[in-house]
């Protein structure tokens, strides 16, 4: 461990599109244009997650990954 990184794979960056080219200049970095979730496998997993969340909500359960808890609680009143 010299504190060096052998390489990196980046799909999402803070600013899209990126504001600088510092990573493009490195030969040990692989960049993709925010598409890593577009594989067949990722889409299949996403579909299952959506169905599971809908079924949870239909049973009155808080869906997994719920962001706006206040809206969920208001809906239940």
C-alpha atoms as a PDB file:
ATOM      1  CA  UNK A   1       0.000   0.000   0.000  1.00  0.00           C
ATOM      2  CA  UNK A   2       1.602   3.139  -1.282  1.00  0.00           C
ATOM      3  CA  UNK A   3      -1.714   4.964  -1.107  1.00  0.00           C
ATOM      4  CA  UNK A   4      -2.151   4.677  -4.864  1.00  0.00           C
ATOM      5  CA  UNK A   5      -5.209   3.446  -6.685  1.00  0.00           C
ATOM      6  CA  UNK A   6      -4.742   0.882  -9.453  1.00  0.00           C
ATOM      7  CA  UNK A   7      -7.793   2.082 -11.342  1.00  0.00           C
ATOM      8  CA  UNK A   8     -11.391   3.204 -11.152  1.00  0.00           C
ATOM      9  CA  UNK A   9     -14.669   2.780 -12.949  1.00  0.00           C
ATOM     10  CA  UNK A  10     -17.006   5.774 -12.791  1.00  0.00           C
ATOM     11  CA  UNK A  11     -20.588   5.932 -13.996  1.00  0.00           C
ATOM     12  CA  UNK A  12     -22.067   8.862 -12.083  1.00  0.00           C
ATOM     13  CA  UNK A  13     -20.253  12.029 -11.181  1.00  0.00           C
ATOM     14  CA  UNK A  14     -21.292  15.048  -9.131  1.00  0.00           C
ATOM     15  CA  UNK A  15     -21.917  17.110 -12.261  1.00  0.00           C
ATOM     16  CA  UNK A  16     -23.525  15.553 -15.328  1.00  0.00           C
ATOM     17  CA  UNK A  17     -22.201  16.233 -17.854  1.00  0.00           C
ATOM     18  CA  UNK A  18     -18.814  16.569 -16.161  1.00  0.00           C
ATOM     19  CA  UNK A  19     -17.379  20.052 -15.916  1.00  0.00           C
ATOM     20  CA  UNK A  20     -13.754  19.046 -16.364  1.00  0.00           C
ATOM     21  CA  UNK A  21     -11.734  16.387 -18.139  1.00  0.00           C
ATOM     22  CA  UNK A  22      -9.404  15.298 -15.356  1.00  0.00           C
ATOM     23  CA  UNK A  23     -10.573  11.664 -15.378  1.00  0.00           C
ATOM     24  CA  UNK A  24     -10.669  11.355 -19.171  1.00  0.00           C
ATOM     25  CA  UNK A  25      -6.930  11.998 -19.247  1.00  0.00           C
ATOM     26  CA  UNK A  26      -6.144   8.957 -17.049  1.00  0.00           C
ATOM     27  CA  UNK A  27      -5.472   5.585 -18.647  1.00  0.00           C
ATOM     28  CA  UNK A  28      -6.474   3.639 -15.527  1.00  0.00           C
ATOM     29  CA  UNK A  29     -10.019   5.058 -15.380  1.00  0.00           C
ATOM     30  CA  UNK A  30     -13.033   3.690 -17.233  1.00  0.00           C
ATOM     31  CA  UNK A  31     -15.897   6.155 -17.686  1.00  0.00           C
ATOM     32  CA  UNK A  32     -19.474   5.461 -18.721  1.00  0.00           C
ATOM     33  CA  UNK A  33     -22.158   8.084 -19.401  1.00  0.00           C
ATOM     34  CA  UNK A  34     -24.465   7.309 -16.430  1.00  0.00           C
ATOM     35  CA  UNK A  35     -25.736   4.076 -17.994  1.00  0.00           C
ATOM     36  CA  UNK A  36     -24.546   1.286 -15.694  1.00  0.00           C
ATOM     37  CA  UNK A  37     -28.128   0.702 -14.549  1.00  0.00           C
ATOM     38  CA  UNK A  38     -29.185   0.002 -18.122  1.00  0.00           C
ATOM     39  CA  UNK A  39     -28.046  -3.613 -18.263  1.00  0.00           C
ATOM     40  CA  UNK A  40     -30.635  -6.376 -18.641  1.00  0.00           C
ATOM     41  CA  UNK A  41     -29.754  -7.618 -15.166  1.00  0.00           C
ATOM     42  CA  UNK A  42     -30.161  -4.196 -13.551  1.00  0.00           C
ATOM     43  CA  UNK A  43     -33.495  -3.641 -15.307  1.00  0.00           C
ATOM     44  CA  UNK A  44     -34.789  -7.038 -14.125  1.00  0.00           C
ATOM     45  CA  UNK A  45     -33.807  -6.278 -10.523  1.00  0.00           C
ATOM     46  CA  UNK A  46     -35.436  -2.832 -10.789  1.00  0.00           C
ATOM     47  CA  UNK A  47     -38.677  -4.372 -12.040  1.00  0.00           C
ATOM     48  CA  UNK A  48     -38.786  -6.786  -9.098  1.00  0.00           C
ATOM     49  CA  UNK A  49     -38.114  -3.928  -6.668  1.00  0.00           C
ATOM     50  CA  UNK A  50     -40.977  -1.889  -8.138  1.00  0.00           C
ATOM     51  CA  UNK A  51     -43.417  -4.799  -7.857  1.00  0.00           C
ATOM     52  CA  UNK A  52     -42.310  -5.509  -4.280  1.00  0.00           C
ATOM     53  CA  UNK A  53     -42.818  -1.848  -3.332  1.00  0.00           C
ATOM     54  CA  UNK A  54     -46.284  -1.743  -4.898  1.00  0.00           C
ATOM     55  CA  UNK A  55     -47.291  -4.919  -3.053  1.00  0.00           C
ATOM     56  CA  UNK A  56     -45.956  -3.525   0.234  1.00  0.00           C
ATOM     57  CA  UNK A  57     -47.974  -0.333  -0.248  1.00  0.00           C
ATOM     58  CA  UNK A  58     -51.085  -2.322  -1.155  1.00  0.00           C
ATOM     59  CA  UNK A  59     -50.743  -4.228   2.130  1.00  0.00           C
ATOM     60  CA  UNK A  60     -50.455  -0.920   3.993  1.00  0.00           C
ATOM     61  CA  UNK A  61     -46.769  -1.424   4.704  1.00  0.00           C
ATOM     62  CA  UNK A  62     -44.238   1.341   4.208  1.00  0.00           C
ATOM     63  CA  UNK A  63     -42.514   0.562   0.896  1.00  0.00           C
ATOM     64  CA  UNK A  64     -38.804  -0.238   1.026  1.00  0.00           C
ATOM     65  CA  UNK A  65     -36.695   2.817   0.235  1.00  0.00           C
ATOM     66  CA  UNK A  66     -39.486   5.297   0.952  1.00  0.00           C
ATOM     67  CA  UNK A  67     -38.100   8.817   0.716  1.00  0.00           C
ATOM     68  CA  UNK A  68     -41.016  11.035   1.763  1.00  0.00           C
ATOM     69  CA  UNK A  69     -42.153   9.445   5.032  1.00  0.00           C
ATOM     70  CA  UNK A  70     -44.355  12.454   5.880  1.00  0.00           C
ATOM     71  CA  UNK A  71     -46.409  11.987   2.698  1.00  0.00           C
ATOM     72  CA  UNK A  72     -46.828   8.277   3.497  1.00  0.00           C
ATOM     73  CA  UNK A  73     -48.042   9.051   7.007  1.00  0.00           C
ATOM     74  CA  UNK A  74     -50.475  11.748   5.760  1.00  0.00           C
ATOM     75  CA  UNK A  75     -51.904   9.309   3.226  1.00  0.00           C
ATOM     76  CA  UNK A  76     -52.605   6.768   5.947  1.00  0.00           C
ATOM     77  CA  UNK A  77     -54.648   9.191   8.131  1.00  0.00           C
END
